[in-house]
C-alpha cells in the first residue's frame, strides 16, 4: 500500500469512527465534513473485518436424495446423497 492509500485509509478510519460516535446519520455527517456518502460507504465496507464462512450440520429428510449446494458466488456442488459435513469442509479448504 502506498503512502497516499495509507493516509486515505487512516483518514477514513477516523471519519467512520467519528460518524458512529456522533449519533447523526451518515448523510448528515458527510454533509458536515464535505464527504461524498458513496466514498464513506466504500471505505466503511473496505474497512469492515472479514467474517469467515460458517458451516452448519444439516440432516436431510431423505438421506438417499440427491443434494446440490449452491454458494453465494454461484458455484455449485452436487452429490448423489448427502456427504458428511467434514468432507464438504475439506472440499472448500
PDB file of N, CA and C in Angstrom:
ATOM      1  N   UNK A   1       0.858  -1.170   0.000  1.00  0.00           N
ATOM      2  CA  UNK A   1       0.000   0.000   0.000  1.00  0.00           C
ATOM      3  C   UNK A   1       0.908   1.238   0.000  1.00  0.00           C
ATOM      4  N   UNK A   2       0.653   2.173  -0.913  1.00  0.00           N
ATOM      5  CA  UNK A   2       1.490   3.366  -0.980  1.00  0.00           C
ATOM      6  C   UNK A   2       1.072   4.397   0.076  1.00  0.00           C
ATOM      7  N   UNK A   3       1.875   5.448   0.211  1.00  0.00           N
ATOM      8  CA  UNK A   3       1.652   6.453   1.254  1.00  0.00           C
ATOM      9  C   UNK A   3       0.292   7.136   1.115  1.00  0.00           C
ATOM     10  N   UNK A   4      -0.136   7.400  -0.117  1.00  0.00           N
ATOM     11  CA  UNK A   4      -1.427   8.054  -0.335  1.00  0.00           C
ATOM     12  C   UNK A   4      -2.572   7.183   0.181  1.00  0.00           C
ATOM     13  N   UNK A   5      -2.512   5.879  -0.134  1.00  0.00           N
ATOM     14  CA  UNK A   5      -3.557   4.963   0.332  1.00  0.00           C
ATOM     15  C   UNK A   5      -3.535   4.795   1.843  1.00  0.00           C
ATOM     16  N   UNK A   6      -2.341   4.772   2.430  1.00  0.00           N
ATOM     17  CA  UNK A   6      -2.233   4.661   3.883  1.00  0.00           C
ATOM     18  C   UNK A   6      -2.852   5.886   4.541  1.00  0.00           C
ATOM     19  N   UNK A   7      -2.596   7.061   3.988  1.00  0.00           N
ATOM     20  CA  UNK A   7      -3.168   8.292   4.520  1.00  0.00           C
ATOM     21  C   UNK A   7      -4.690   8.276   4.382  1.00  0.00           C
ATOM     22  N   UNK A   8      -5.185   7.912   3.210  1.00  0.00           N
ATOM     23  CA  UNK A   8      -6.638   7.835   2.976  1.00  0.00           C
ATOM     24  C   UNK A   8      -7.276   6.814   3.917  1.00  0.00           C
ATOM     25  N   UNK A   9      -6.615   5.693   4.098  1.00  0.00           N
ATOM     26  CA  UNK A   9      -7.075   4.638   4.998  1.00  0.00           C
ATOM     27  C   UNK A   9      -7.239   5.205   6.412  1.00  0.00           C
ATOM     28  N   UNK A  10      -6.232   5.900   6.910  1.00  0.00           N
ATOM     29  CA  UNK A  10      -6.261   6.463   8.262  1.00  0.00           C
ATOM     30  C   UNK A  10      -7.340   7.542   8.394  1.00  0.00           C
ATOM     31  N   UNK A  11      -7.454   8.395   7.400  1.00  0.00           N
ATOM     32  CA  UNK A  11      -8.461   9.461   7.429  1.00  0.00           C
ATOM     33  C   UNK A  11      -9.865   8.859   7.483  1.00  0.00           C
ATOM     34  N   UNK A  12     -10.115   7.864   6.641  1.00  0.00           N
ATOM     35  CA  UNK A  12     -11.457   7.285   6.588  1.00  0.00           C
ATOM     36  C   UNK A  12     -11.764   6.470   7.840  1.00  0.00           C
ATOM     37  N   UNK A  13     -10.760   5.824   8.433  1.00  0.00           N
ATOM     38  CA  UNK A  13     -10.977   5.128   9.701  1.00  0.00           C
ATOM     39  C   UNK A  13     -11.455   6.123  10.751  1.00  0.00           C
ATOM     40  N   UNK A  14     -10.820   7.289  10.783  1.00  0.00           N
ATOM     41  CA  UNK A  14     -11.188   8.335  11.736  1.00  0.00           C
ATOM     42  C   UNK A  14     -12.601   8.833  11.470  1.00  0.00           C
ATOM     43  N   UNK A  15     -12.932   9.085  10.219  1.00  0.00           N
ATOM     44  CA  UNK A  15     -14.276   9.552   9.865  1.00  0.00           C
ATOM     45  C   UNK A  15     -15.349   8.516  10.245  1.00  0.00           C
ATOM     46  N   UNK A  16     -15.086   7.262   9.951  1.00  0.00           N
ATOM     47  CA  UNK A  16     -16.075   6.216  10.234  1.00  0.00           C
ATOM     48  C   UNK A  16     -16.318   6.105  11.739  1.00  0.00           C
ATOM     49  N   UNK A  17     -15.259   6.136  12.519  1.00  0.00           N
ATOM     50  CA  UNK A  17     -15.402   6.077  13.981  1.00  0.00           C
ATOM     51  C   UNK A  17     -16.137   7.311  14.499  1.00  0.00           C
ATOM     52  N   UNK A  18     -15.800   8.487  13.967  1.00  0.00           N
ATOM     53  CA  UNK A  18     -16.438   9.729  14.412  1.00  0.00           C
ATOM     54  C   UNK A  18     -17.906   9.751  14.038  1.00  0.00           C
ATOM     55  N   UNK A  19     -18.244   9.248  12.876  1.00  0.00           N
ATOM     56  CA  UNK A  19     -19.643   9.209  12.443  1.00  0.00           C
ATOM     57  C   UNK A  19     -20.455   8.303  13.360  1.00  0.00           C
ATOM     58  N   UNK A  20     -19.911   7.120  13.685  1.00  0.00           N
ATOM     59  CA  UNK A  20     -20.610   6.203  14.590  1.00  0.00           C
ATOM     60  C   UNK A  20     -20.833   6.865  15.951  1.00  0.00           C
ATOM     61  N   UNK A  21     -19.814   7.562  16.446  1.00  0.00           N
ATOM     62  CA  UNK A  21     -19.891   8.186  17.769  1.00  0.00           C
ATOM     63  C   UNK A  21     -20.806   9.410  17.780  1.00  0.00           C
ATOM     64  N   UNK A  22     -20.999  10.032  16.625  1.00  0.00           N
ATOM     65  CA  UNK A  22     -21.751  11.288  16.560  1.00  0.00           C
ATOM     66  C   UNK A  22     -23.246  11.121  16.807  1.00  0.00           C
ATOM     67  N   UNK A  23     -23.789   9.972  16.452  1.00  0.00           N
ATOM     68  CA  UNK A  23     -25.216   9.751  16.616  1.00  0.00           C
ATOM     69  C   UNK A  23     -26.066  10.381  15.522  1.00  0.00           C
ATOM     70  N   UNK A  24     -25.432  10.969  14.507  1.00  0.00           N
ATOM     71  CA  UNK A  24     -26.190  11.540  13.398  1.00  0.00           C
ATOM     72  C   UNK A  24     -26.129  10.584  12.209  1.00  0.00           C
ATOM     73  N   UNK A  25     -26.948  10.825  11.223  1.00  0.00           N
ATOM     74  CA  UNK A  25     -26.970   9.945  10.061  1.00  0.00           C
ATOM     75  C   UNK A  25     -25.681  10.099   9.264  1.00  0.00           C
ATOM     76  N   UNK A  26     -25.391   9.078   8.479  1.00  0.00           N
ATOM     77  CA  UNK A  26     -24.202   9.120   7.618  1.00  0.00           C
ATOM     78  C   UNK A  26     -24.301  10.304   6.658  1.00  0.00           C
ATOM     79  N   UNK A  27     -25.485  10.515   6.109  1.00  0.00           N
ATOM     80  CA  UNK A  27     -25.658  11.608   5.154  1.00  0.00           C
ATOM     81  C   UNK A  27     -25.373  12.959   5.809  1.00  0.00           C
ATOM     82  N   UNK A  28     -25.878  13.164   7.031  1.00  0.00           N
ATOM     83  CA  UNK A  28     -25.635  14.428   7.740  1.00  0.00           C
ATOM     84  C   UNK A  28     -24.151  14.576   8.075  1.00  0.00           C
ATOM     85  N   UNK A  29     -23.529  13.490   8.517  1.00  0.00           N
ATOM     86  CA  UNK A  29     -22.098  13.541   8.836  1.00  0.00           C
ATOM     87  C   UNK A  29     -21.290  13.900   7.590  1.00  0.00           C
ATOM     88  N   UNK A  30     -21.599  13.245   6.489  1.00  0.00           N
ATOM     89  CA  UNK A  30     -20.869  13.517   5.238  1.00  0.00           C
ATOM     90  C   UNK A  30     -21.075  14.960   4.785  1.00  0.00           C
ATOM     91  N   UNK A  31     -22.282  15.455   4.896  1.00  0.00           N
ATOM     92  CA  UNK A  31     -22.562  16.841   4.522  1.00  0.00           C
ATOM     93  C   UNK A  31     -21.731  17.801   5.392  1.00  0.00           C
ATOM     94  N   UNK A  32     -21.674  17.527   6.698  1.00  0.00           N
ATOM     95  CA  UNK A  32     -20.919  18.385   7.625  1.00  0.00           C
ATOM     96  C   UNK A  32     -19.413  18.340   7.399  1.00  0.00           C
ATOM     97  N   UNK A  33     -18.925  17.252   6.804  1.00  0.00           N
ATOM     98  CA  UNK A  33     -17.479  17.084   6.609  1.00  0.00           C
ATOM     99  C   UNK A  33     -17.074  17.062   5.132  1.00  0.00           C
ATOM    100  N   UNK A  34     -17.964  17.529   4.262  1.00  0.00           N
ATOM    101  CA  UNK A  34     -17.705  17.612   2.826  1.00  0.00           C
ATOM    102  C   UNK A  34     -17.195  16.285   2.252  1.00  0.00           C
ATOM    103  N   UNK A  35     -17.880  15.205   2.637  1.00  0.00           N
ATOM    104  CA  UNK A  35     -17.569  13.875   2.102  1.00  0.00           C
ATOM    105  C   UNK A  35     -18.724  13.415   1.225  1.00  0.00           C
ATOM    106  N   UNK A  36     -18.418  12.677   0.195  1.00  0.00           N
ATOM    107  CA  UNK A  36     -19.458  12.046  -0.601  1.00  0.00           C
ATOM    108  C   UNK A  36     -19.901  10.786   0.146  1.00  0.00           C
ATOM    109  N   UNK A  37     -21.205  10.611   0.344  1.00  0.00           N
ATOM    110  CA  UNK A  37     -21.661   9.392   1.022  1.00  0.00           C
ATOM    111  C   UNK A  37     -21.161   8.115   0.342  1.00  0.00           C
ATOM    112  N   UNK A  38     -21.069   8.118  -0.981  1.00  0.00           N
ATOM    113  CA  UNK A  38     -20.593   6.916  -1.680  1.00  0.00           C
ATOM    114  C   UNK A  38     -19.159   6.572  -1.291  1.00  0.00           C
ATOM    115  N   UNK A  39     -18.320   7.599  -1.074  1.00  0.00           N
ATOM    116  CA  UNK A  39     -16.936   7.369  -0.649  1.00  0.00           C
ATOM    117  C   UNK A  39     -16.920   6.817   0.773  1.00  0.00           C
ATOM    118  N   UNK A  40     -17.754   7.395   1.632  1.00  0.00           N
ATOM    119  CA  UNK A  40     -17.859   6.925   3.014  1.00  0.00           C
ATOM    120  C   UNK A  40     -18.244   5.437   3.035  1.00  0.00           C
ATOM    121  N   UNK A  41     -19.310   5.088   2.302  1.00  0.00           N
ATOM    122  CA  UNK A  41     -19.781   3.705   2.299  1.00  0.00           C
ATOM    123  C   UNK A  41     -18.743   2.756   1.690  1.00  0.00           C
ATOM    124  N   UNK A  42     -18.035   3.204   0.660  1.00  0.00           N
ATOM    125  CA  UNK A  42     -16.973   2.390   0.061  1.00  0.00           C
ATOM    126  C   UNK A  42     -15.930   2.033   1.114  1.00  0.00           C
ATOM    127  N   UNK A  43     -15.459   3.049   1.835  1.00  0.00           N
ATOM    128  CA  UNK A  43     -14.423   2.812   2.832  1.00  0.00           C
ATOM    129  C   UNK A  43     -14.943   2.031   4.029  1.00  0.00           C
ATOM    130  N   UNK A  44     -16.183   2.280   4.402  1.00  0.00           N
ATOM    131  CA  UNK A  44     -16.749   1.525   5.528  1.00  0.00           C
ATOM    132  C   UNK A  44     -16.772   0.035   5.192  1.00  0.00           C
ATOM    133  N   UNK A  45     -17.176  -0.303   3.978  1.00  0.00           N
ATOM    134  CA  UNK A  45     -17.200  -1.705   3.559  1.00  0.00           C
ATOM    135  C   UNK A  45     -15.778  -2.265   3.475  1.00  0.00           C
ATOM    136  N   UNK A  46     -14.868  -1.475   2.925  1.00  0.00           N
ATOM    137  CA  UNK A  46     -13.486  -1.925   2.762  1.00  0.00           C
ATOM    138  C   UNK A  46     -12.803  -2.169   4.112  1.00  0.00           C
ATOM    139  N   UNK A  47     -13.148  -1.368   5.110  1.00  0.00           N
ATOM    140  CA  UNK A  47     -12.507  -1.463   6.415  1.00  0.00           C
ATOM    141  C   UNK A  47     -13.188  -2.452   7.362  1.00  0.00           C
ATOM    142  N   UNK A  48     -14.347  -2.988   6.969  1.00  0.00           N
ATOM    143  CA  UNK A  48     -15.034  -3.965   7.824  1.00  0.00           C
ATOM    144  C   UNK A  48     -14.204  -5.228   7.924  1.00  0.00           C
ATOM    145  N   UNK A  49     -14.131  -5.794   9.135  1.00  0.00           N
ATOM    146  CA  UNK A  49     -13.422  -7.073   9.252  1.00  0.00           C
ATOM    147  C   UNK A  49     -14.152  -8.153   8.463  1.00  0.00           C
ATOM    148  N   UNK A  50     -13.397  -8.990   7.830  1.00  0.00           N
ATOM    149  CA  UNK A  50     -13.982 -10.081   7.044  1.00  0.00           C
ATOM    150  C   UNK A  50     -14.394 -11.207   7.974  1.00  0.00           C
ATOM    151  N   UNK A  51     -15.621 -11.691   7.791  1.00  0.00           N
ATOM    152  CA  UNK A  51     -16.100 -12.811   8.581  1.00  0.00           C
ATOM    153  C   UNK A  51     -15.860 -14.102   7.806  1.00  0.00           C
ATOM    154  N   UNK A  52     -15.301 -15.101   8.485  1.00  0.00           N
ATOM    155  CA  UNK A  52     -15.082 -16.371   7.788  1.00  0.00           C
ATOM    156  C   UNK A  52     -16.410 -17.055   7.512  1.00  0.00           C
ATOM    157  N   UNK A  53     -16.429 -17.868   6.474  1.00  0.00           N
ATOM    158  CA  UNK A  53     -17.622 -18.638   6.171  1.00  0.00           C
ATOM    159  C   UNK A  53     -17.900 -19.634   7.290  1.00  0.00           C
ATOM    160  N   UNK A  54     -19.142 -19.977   7.460  1.00  0.00           N
ATOM    161  CA  UNK A  54     -19.519 -20.904   8.525  1.00  0.00           C
ATOM    162  C   UNK A  54     -20.280 -22.076   7.924  1.00  0.00           C
ATOM    163  N   UNK A  55     -19.975 -23.251   8.415  1.00  0.00           N
ATOM    164  CA  UNK A  55     -20.693 -24.444   8.005  1.00  0.00           C
ATOM    165  C   UNK A  55     -21.595 -24.873   9.150  1.00  0.00           C
ATOM    166  N   UNK A  56     -22.744 -25.377   8.803  1.00  0.00           N
ATOM    167  CA  UNK A  56     -23.628 -25.947   9.807  1.00  0.00           C
ATOM    168  C   UNK A  56     -23.967 -27.366   9.380  1.00  0.00           C
ATOM    169  N   UNK A  57     -24.224 -28.199  10.340  1.00  0.00           N
ATOM    170  CA  UNK A  57     -24.585 -29.574  10.053  1.00  0.00           C
ATOM    171  C   UNK A  57     -26.091 -29.640   9.816  1.00  0.00           C
ATOM    172  N   UNK A  58     -26.480 -30.316   8.752  1.00  0.00           N
ATOM    173  CA  UNK A  58     -27.907 -30.489   8.472  1.00  0.00           C
ATOM    174  C   UNK A  58     -28.201 -31.973   8.300  1.00  0.00           C
ATOM    175  N   UNK A  59     -29.417 -32.340   8.572  1.00  0.00           N
ATOM    176  CA  UNK A  59     -29.858 -33.707   8.361  1.00  0.00           C
ATOM    177  C   UNK A  59     -30.954 -33.667   7.309  1.00  0.00           C
ATOM    178  N   UNK A  60     -30.689 -34.194   6.119  1.00  0.00           N
ATOM    179  CA  UNK A  60     -31.720 -34.170   5.087  1.00  0.00           C
ATOM    180  C   UNK A  60     -32.873 -35.104   5.451  1.00  0.00           C
ATOM    181  N   UNK A  61     -34.053 -34.766   4.944  1.00  0.00           N
ATOM    182  CA  UNK A  61     -35.218 -35.600   5.209  1.00  0.00           C
ATOM    183  C   UNK A  61     -35.042 -36.991   4.613  1.00  0.00           C
ATOM    184  N   UNK A  62     -34.511 -37.052   3.398  1.00  0.00           N
ATOM    185  CA  UNK A  62     -34.249 -38.331   2.746  1.00  0.00           C
ATOM    186  C   UNK A  62     -32.751 -38.428   2.479  1.00  0.00           C
ATOM    187  N   UNK A  63     -32.070 -39.290   3.199  1.00  0.00           N
ATOM    188  CA  UNK A  63     -30.618 -39.364   3.067  1.00  0.00           C
ATOM    189  C   UNK A  63     -30.177 -39.916   1.713  1.00  0.00           C
ATOM    190  N   UNK A  64     -31.094 -40.503   0.941  1.00  0.00           N
ATOM    191  CA  UNK A  64     -30.727 -41.041  -0.369  1.00  0.00           C
ATOM    192  C   UNK A  64     -31.057 -40.072  -1.500  1.00  0.00           C
ATOM    193  N   UNK A  65     -31.582 -38.894  -1.146  1.00  0.00           N
ATOM    194  CA  UNK A  65     -31.944 -37.916  -2.174  1.00  0.00           C
ATOM    195  C   UNK A  65     -30.705 -37.189  -2.675  1.00  0.00           C
ATOM    196  N   UNK A  66     -30.675 -36.807  -3.961  1.00  0.00           N
ATOM    197  CA  UNK A  66     -29.553 -36.000  -4.467  1.00  0.00           C
ATOM    198  C   UNK A  66     -29.489 -34.664  -3.724  1.00  0.00           C
ATOM    199  N   UNK A  67     -28.282 -34.159  -3.582  1.00  0.00           N
ATOM    200  CA  UNK A  67     -28.062 -32.910  -2.851  1.00  0.00           C
ATOM    201  C   UNK A  67     -27.272 -31.958  -3.737  1.00  0.00           C
ATOM    202  N   UNK A  68     -27.701 -30.700  -3.783  1.00  0.00           N
ATOM    203  CA  UNK A  68     -26.961 -29.672  -4.516  1.00  0.00           C
ATOM    204  C   UNK A  68     -26.718 -28.527  -3.542  1.00  0.00           C
ATOM    205  N   UNK A  69     -25.463 -28.122  -3.415  1.00  0.00           N
ATOM    206  CA  UNK A  69     -25.098 -26.986  -2.565  1.00  0.00           C
ATOM    207  C   UNK A  69     -24.724 -25.842  -3.496  1.00  0.00           C
ATOM    208  N   UNK A  70     -25.423 -24.711  -3.353  1.00  0.00           N
ATOM    209  CA  UNK A  70     -25.142 -23.524  -4.163  1.00  0.00           C
ATOM    210  C   UNK A  70     -24.550 -22.455  -3.253  1.00  0.00           C
ATOM    211  N   UNK A  71     -23.383 -21.934  -3.629  1.00  0.00           N
ATOM    212  CA  UNK A  71     -22.692 -20.929  -2.845  1.00  0.00           C
ATOM    213  C   UNK A  71     -23.062 -19.533  -3.330  1.00  0.00           C
ATOM    214  N   UNK A  72     -22.776 -18.539  -2.508  1.00  0.00           N
ATOM    215  CA  UNK A  72     -23.149 -17.165  -2.841  1.00  0.00           C
ATOM    216  C   UNK A  72     -22.475 -16.665  -4.110  1.00  0.00           C
ATOM    217  N   UNK A  73     -21.338 -17.243  -4.484  1.00  0.00           N
ATOM    218  CA  UNK A  73     -20.665 -16.821  -5.713  1.00  0.00           C
ATOM    219  C   UNK A  73     -21.233 -17.516  -6.949  1.00  0.00           C
ATOM    220  N   UNK A  74     -22.279 -18.351  -6.755  1.00  0.00           N
ATOM    221  CA  UNK A  74     -22.926 -19.019  -7.881  1.00  0.00           C
ATOM    222  C   UNK A  74     -22.390 -20.417  -8.178  1.00  0.00           C
ATOM    223  N   UNK A  75     -21.282 -20.798  -7.596  1.00  0.00           N
ATOM    224  CA  UNK A  75     -20.715 -22.137  -7.816  1.00  0.00           C
ATOM    225  C   UNK A  75     -21.606 -23.169  -7.138  1.00  0.00           C
ATOM    226  N   UNK A  76     -21.661 -24.367  -7.739  1.00  0.00           N
ATOM    227  CA  UNK A  76     -22.499 -25.438  -7.204  1.00  0.00           C
ATOM    228  C   UNK A  76     -21.710 -26.723  -7.087  1.00  0.00           C
ATOM    229  N   UNK A  77     -22.089 -27.506  -6.087  1.00  0.00           N
ATOM    230  CA  UNK A  77     -21.559 -28.859  -5.911  1.00  0.00           C
ATOM    231  C   UNK A  77     -22.774 -29.770  -5.800  1.00  0.00           C
ATOM    232  N   UNK A  78     -22.756 -30.863  -6.555  1.00  0.00           N
ATOM    233  CA  UNK A  78     -23.862 -31.815  -6.496  1.00  0.00           C
ATOM    234  C   UNK A  78     -23.357 -33.172  -6.029  1.00  0.00           C
ATOM    235  N   UNK A  79     -24.180 -33.857  -5.233  1.00  0.00           N
ATOM    236  CA  UNK A  79     -23.866 -35.188  -4.722  1.00  0.00           C
ATOM    237  C   UNK A  79     -25.079 -36.079  -4.941  1.00  0.00           C
ATOM    238  N   UNK A  80     -24.825 -37.369  -5.117  1.00  0.00           N
ATOM    239  CA  UNK A  80     -25.927 -38.332  -5.245  1.00  0.00           C
ATOM    240  C   UNK A  80     -26.671 -38.471  -3.917  1.00  0.00           C
ATOM    241  N   UNK A  81     -25.931 -38.442  -2.811  1.00  0.00           N
ATOM    242  CA  UNK A  81     -26.512 -38.474  -1.462  1.00  0.00           C
ATOM    243  C   UNK A  81     -25.762 -37.454  -0.612  1.00  0.00           C
ATOM    244  N   UNK A  82     -26.300 -37.120   0.538  1.00  0.00           N
ATOM    245  CA  UNK A  82     -25.680 -36.120   1.410  1.00  0.00           C
ATOM    246  C   UNK A  82     -24.351 -36.631   1.949  1.00  0.00           C
ATOM    247  N   UNK A  83     -23.240 -35.933   1.634  1.00  0.00           N
ATOM    248  CA  UNK A  83     -21.936 -36.350   2.166  1.00  0.00           C
ATOM    249  C   UNK A  83     -21.778 -35.850   3.599  1.00  0.00           C
ATOM    250  N   UNK A  84     -20.813 -36.394   4.331  1.00  0.00           N
ATOM    251  CA  UNK A  84     -20.536 -35.873   5.670  1.00  0.00           C
ATOM    252  C   UNK A  84     -20.093 -34.410   5.586  1.00  0.00           C
ATOM    253  N   UNK A  85     -20.489 -33.600   6.562  1.00  0.00           N
ATOM    254  CA  UNK A  85     -20.149 -32.170   6.558  1.00  0.00           C
ATOM    255  C   UNK A  85     -18.644 -31.969   6.536  1.00  0.00           C
ATOM    256  N   UNK A  86     -17.886 -32.813   7.250  1.00  0.00           N
ATOM    257  CA  UNK A  86     -16.427 -32.677   7.257  1.00  0.00           C
ATOM    258  C   UNK A  86     -15.842 -32.841   5.850  1.00  0.00           C
ATOM    259  N   UNK A  87     -16.437 -33.705   5.044  1.00  0.00           N
ATOM    260  CA  UNK A  87     -15.987 -33.896   3.658  1.00  0.00           C
ATOM    261  C   UNK A  87     -16.196 -32.597   2.846  1.00  0.00           C
ATOM    262  N   UNK A  88     -17.354 -31.975   3.014  1.00  0.00           N
ATOM    263  CA  UNK A  88     -17.638 -30.726   2.299  1.00  0.00           C
ATOM    264  C   UNK A  88     -16.661 -29.640   2.754  1.00  0.00           C
ATOM    265  N   UNK A  89     -16.372 -29.580   4.049  1.00  0.00           N
ATOM    266  CA  UNK A  89     -15.403 -28.599   4.557  1.00  0.00           C
ATOM    267  C   UNK A  89     -14.041 -28.794   3.896  1.00  0.00           C
ATOM    268  N   UNK A  90     -13.622 -30.040   3.732  1.00  0.00           N
ATOM    269  CA  UNK A  90     -12.333 -30.313   3.098  1.00  0.00           C
ATOM    270  C   UNK A  90     -12.320 -29.854   1.654  1.00  0.00           C
ATOM    271  N   UNK A  91     -13.435 -29.999   0.957  1.00  0.00           N
ATOM    272  CA  UNK A  91     -13.520 -29.549  -0.430  1.00  0.00           C
ATOM    273  C   UNK A  91     -13.355 -28.033  -0.519  1.00  0.00           C
ATOM    274  N   UNK A  92     -13.821 -27.326   0.481  1.00  0.00           N
ATOM    275  CA  UNK A  92     -13.794 -25.863   0.460  1.00  0.00           C
ATOM    276  C   UNK A  92     -12.471 -25.299   0.943  1.00  0.00           C
ATOM    277  N   UNK A  93     -11.627 -26.098   1.570  1.00  0.00           N
ATOM    278  CA  UNK A  93     -10.354 -25.585   2.114  1.00  0.00           C
ATOM    279  C   UNK A  93      -9.365 -25.278   1.034  1.00  0.00           C
TER     280      UNK A  93
END
